[in-house]
């Protein structure tokens, strides 16, 4: 289980416990968090689960794969240095406390 904070564009936060094995995207979907569409269901194809990792993050995240990098070039919200696809972020106890910022739009 990992506690994940989803920070909405208006500044509000939703903090949820996400069970292992899930992804940050799936954690948002099972907890009915607005702001992550996940149109492709988590296959790193659509970019509608785009998030920004909090700049203060020191938690170990997996390296970005080439396919994720490619998809992030075509997202509706601007790409930043902290951009990731939440479907490519597996939940583990090591990322307990992760904060992700949701973009203004996903599509």
C-alpha atoms as a PDB file:
ATOM      1  CA  UNK A   1       0.000   0.000   0.000  1.00  0.00           C
ATOM      2  CA  UNK A   2       1.205   3.500  -0.804  1.00  0.00           C
ATOM      3  CA  UNK A   3      -0.314   6.859   0.028  1.00  0.00           C
ATOM      4  CA  UNK A   4      -0.492   8.955  -3.146  1.00  0.00           C
ATOM      5  CA  UNK A   5      -1.429  12.637  -3.238  1.00  0.00           C
ATOM      6  CA  UNK A   6      -3.162  13.928  -6.356  1.00  0.00           C
ATOM      7  CA  UNK A   7      -2.915  17.725  -6.466  1.00  0.00           C
ATOM      8  CA  UNK A   8      -5.617  19.308  -8.617  1.00  0.00           C
ATOM      9  CA  UNK A   9      -5.042  22.430 -10.767  1.00  0.00           C
ATOM     10  CA  UNK A  10      -7.177  24.504  -8.366  1.00  0.00           C
ATOM     11  CA  UNK A  11      -4.820  23.643  -5.490  1.00  0.00           C
ATOM     12  CA  UNK A  12      -6.966  21.065  -3.717  1.00  0.00           C
ATOM     13  CA  UNK A  13      -5.468  17.703  -2.869  1.00  0.00           C
ATOM     14  CA  UNK A  14      -6.877  14.216  -2.750  1.00  0.00           C
ATOM     15  CA  UNK A  15      -4.833  11.728  -0.726  1.00  0.00           C
ATOM     16  CA  UNK A  16      -5.614   8.034  -1.143  1.00  0.00           C
ATOM     17  CA  UNK A  17      -4.132   4.694  -0.201  1.00  0.00           C
ATOM     18  CA  UNK A  18      -3.407   2.720  -3.361  1.00  0.00           C
ATOM     19  CA  UNK A  19      -2.872  -1.015  -2.998  1.00  0.00           C
ATOM     20  CA  UNK A  20       0.035  -2.847  -4.590  1.00  0.00           C
ATOM     21  CA  UNK A  21       0.064  -3.919  -7.447  1.00  0.00           C
ATOM     22  CA  UNK A  22      -1.557  -1.005  -9.198  1.00  0.00           C
ATOM     23  CA  UNK A  23      -0.325   2.067 -11.010  1.00  0.00           C
ATOM     24  CA  UNK A  24      -0.692   5.705 -10.059  1.00  0.00           C
ATOM     25  CA  UNK A  25      -3.255   5.927 -12.891  1.00  0.00           C
ATOM     26  CA  UNK A  26      -5.266   2.974 -11.618  1.00  0.00           C
ATOM     27  CA  UNK A  27      -5.167   4.445  -8.107  1.00  0.00           C
ATOM     28  CA  UNK A  28      -6.848   7.574  -9.449  1.00  0.00           C
ATOM     29  CA  UNK A  29      -9.467   5.605 -11.352  1.00  0.00           C
ATOM     30  CA  UNK A  30     -10.438   3.267  -8.482  1.00  0.00           C
ATOM     31  CA  UNK A  31     -10.719   6.267  -6.164  1.00  0.00           C
ATOM     32  CA  UNK A  32     -12.801   8.348  -8.625  1.00  0.00           C
ATOM     33  CA  UNK A  33     -10.264  11.148  -8.856  1.00  0.00           C
ATOM     34  CA  UNK A  34     -11.086  13.659 -11.573  1.00  0.00           C
ATOM     35  CA  UNK A  35      -8.292  14.743 -13.871  1.00  0.00           C
ATOM     36  CA  UNK A  36      -7.007  11.423 -15.197  1.00  0.00           C
ATOM     37  CA  UNK A  37      -8.961  10.126 -18.186  1.00  0.00           C
ATOM     38  CA  UNK A  38      -6.881   7.045 -19.070  1.00  0.00           C
ATOM     39  CA  UNK A  39      -8.627   6.519 -22.406  1.00  0.00           C
ATOM     40  CA  UNK A  40      -6.315   3.679 -23.468  1.00  0.00           C
ATOM     41  CA  UNK A  41      -6.646   1.858 -20.152  1.00  0.00           C
ATOM     42  CA  UNK A  42      -2.989   2.075 -19.220  1.00  0.00           C
ATOM     43  CA  UNK A  43      -1.090   0.946 -22.299  1.00  0.00           C
ATOM     44  CA  UNK A  44       0.956   4.159 -22.715  1.00  0.00           C
ATOM     45  CA  UNK A  45      -0.771   4.988 -25.995  1.00  0.00           C
ATOM     46  CA  UNK A  46      -2.991   8.029 -25.424  1.00  0.00           C
ATOM     47  CA  UNK A  47      -1.322  10.393 -22.953  1.00  0.00           C
ATOM     48  CA  UNK A  48      -4.557  11.100 -21.063  1.00  0.00           C
ATOM     49  CA  UNK A  49      -3.026  10.035 -17.752  1.00  0.00           C
ATOM     50  CA  UNK A  50      -0.315  12.698 -17.922  1.00  0.00           C
ATOM     51  CA  UNK A  51       0.846  13.973 -14.513  1.00  0.00           C
ATOM     52  CA  UNK A  52       3.616  16.177 -13.202  1.00  0.00           C
ATOM     53  CA  UNK A  53       5.756  14.648 -10.478  1.00  0.00           C
ATOM     54  CA  UNK A  54       6.179  17.050  -7.581  1.00  0.00           C
ATOM     55  CA  UNK A  55       9.495  18.869  -7.955  1.00  0.00           C
ATOM     56  CA  UNK A  56      10.469  17.993  -4.368  1.00  0.00           C
ATOM     57  CA  UNK A  57      10.156  14.257  -5.085  1.00  0.00           C
ATOM     58  CA  UNK A  58      13.026  12.126  -3.873  1.00  0.00           C
ATOM     59  CA  UNK A  59      11.222   8.793  -4.142  1.00  0.00           C
ATOM     60  CA  UNK A  60      12.553   6.145  -6.548  1.00  0.00           C
ATOM     61  CA  UNK A  61      10.561   6.102  -9.772  1.00  0.00           C
ATOM     62  CA  UNK A  62      11.228   3.801 -12.709  1.00  0.00           C
ATOM     63  CA  UNK A  63      13.134   5.174 -15.659  1.00  0.00           C
ATOM     64  CA  UNK A  64      11.059   6.487 -18.527  1.00  0.00           C
ATOM     65  CA  UNK A  65      10.762   4.116 -21.471  1.00  0.00           C
ATOM     66  CA  UNK A  66      11.087   5.369 -25.029  1.00  0.00           C
ATOM     67  CA  UNK A  67       7.378   4.779 -25.752  1.00  0.00           C
ATOM     68  CA  UNK A  68       6.365   6.892 -22.733  1.00  0.00           C
ATOM     69  CA  UNK A  69       8.732   9.632 -23.867  1.00  0.00           C
ATOM     70  CA  UNK A  70       7.183   9.574 -27.355  1.00  0.00           C
ATOM     71  CA  UNK A  71       3.609   9.819 -26.030  1.00  0.00           C
ATOM     72  CA  UNK A  72       4.503  12.727 -23.741  1.00  0.00           C
ATOM     73  CA  UNK A  73       5.433  14.802 -26.802  1.00  0.00           C
ATOM     74  CA  UNK A  74       1.792  14.782 -27.898  1.00  0.00           C
ATOM     75  CA  UNK A  75      -0.182  15.392 -24.702  1.00  0.00           C
ATOM     76  CA  UNK A  76      -2.867  18.067 -24.428  1.00  0.00           C
ATOM     77  CA  UNK A  77      -1.129  19.748 -21.477  1.00  0.00           C
ATOM     78  CA  UNK A  78       2.383  21.105 -21.937  1.00  0.00           C
ATOM     79  CA  UNK A  79       5.207  18.698 -21.293  1.00  0.00           C
ATOM     80  CA  UNK A  80       7.531  19.611 -18.426  1.00  0.00           C
ATOM     81  CA  UNK A  81      10.745  18.133 -17.062  1.00  0.00           C
ATOM     82  CA  UNK A  82       8.606  16.394 -14.419  1.00  0.00           C
ATOM     83  CA  UNK A  83       6.024  14.954 -16.855  1.00  0.00           C
ATOM     84  CA  UNK A  84       5.183  11.259 -16.634  1.00  0.00           C
ATOM     85  CA  UNK A  85       2.370   8.970 -17.717  1.00  0.00           C
ATOM     86  CA  UNK A  86       0.749   7.777 -14.508  1.00  0.00           C
ATOM     87  CA  UNK A  87       0.012   4.408 -16.133  1.00  0.00           C
ATOM     88  CA  UNK A  88       3.763   3.808 -16.247  1.00  0.00           C
ATOM     89  CA  UNK A  89       4.291   4.408 -12.519  1.00  0.00           C
ATOM     90  CA  UNK A  90       3.794   1.184 -10.587  1.00  0.00           C
ATOM     91  CA  UNK A  91       2.674   1.525  -6.989  1.00  0.00           C
ATOM     92  CA  UNK A  92       5.003   0.046  -4.410  1.00  0.00           C
ATOM     93  CA  UNK A  93       5.764   0.717  -0.782  1.00  0.00           C
ATOM     94  CA  UNK A  94       8.874   2.594  -1.964  1.00  0.00           C
ATOM     95  CA  UNK A  95       6.748   5.384  -3.463  1.00  0.00           C
ATOM     96  CA  UNK A  96       4.602   5.884  -0.365  1.00  0.00           C
ATOM     97  CA  UNK A  97       4.078   9.639  -0.096  1.00  0.00           C
ATOM     98  CA  UNK A  98       4.329  10.399  -3.830  1.00  0.00           C
ATOM     99  CA  UNK A  99       2.734  13.700  -4.894  1.00  0.00           C
ATOM    100  CA  UNK A 100       1.558  14.161  -8.458  1.00  0.00           C
ATOM    101  CA  UNK A 101       0.112  17.329  -9.960  1.00  0.00           C
ATOM    102  CA  UNK A 102      -2.765  16.952 -12.398  1.00  0.00           C
ATOM    103  CA  UNK A 103      -2.659  19.121 -15.537  1.00  0.00           C
ATOM    104  CA  UNK A 104      -5.417  21.523 -16.544  1.00  0.00           C
ATOM    105  CA  UNK A 105      -6.549  19.200 -19.342  1.00  0.00           C
ATOM    106  CA  UNK A 106      -5.944  15.666 -20.602  1.00  0.00           C
ATOM    107  CA  UNK A 107      -7.608  15.809 -24.007  1.00  0.00           C
END
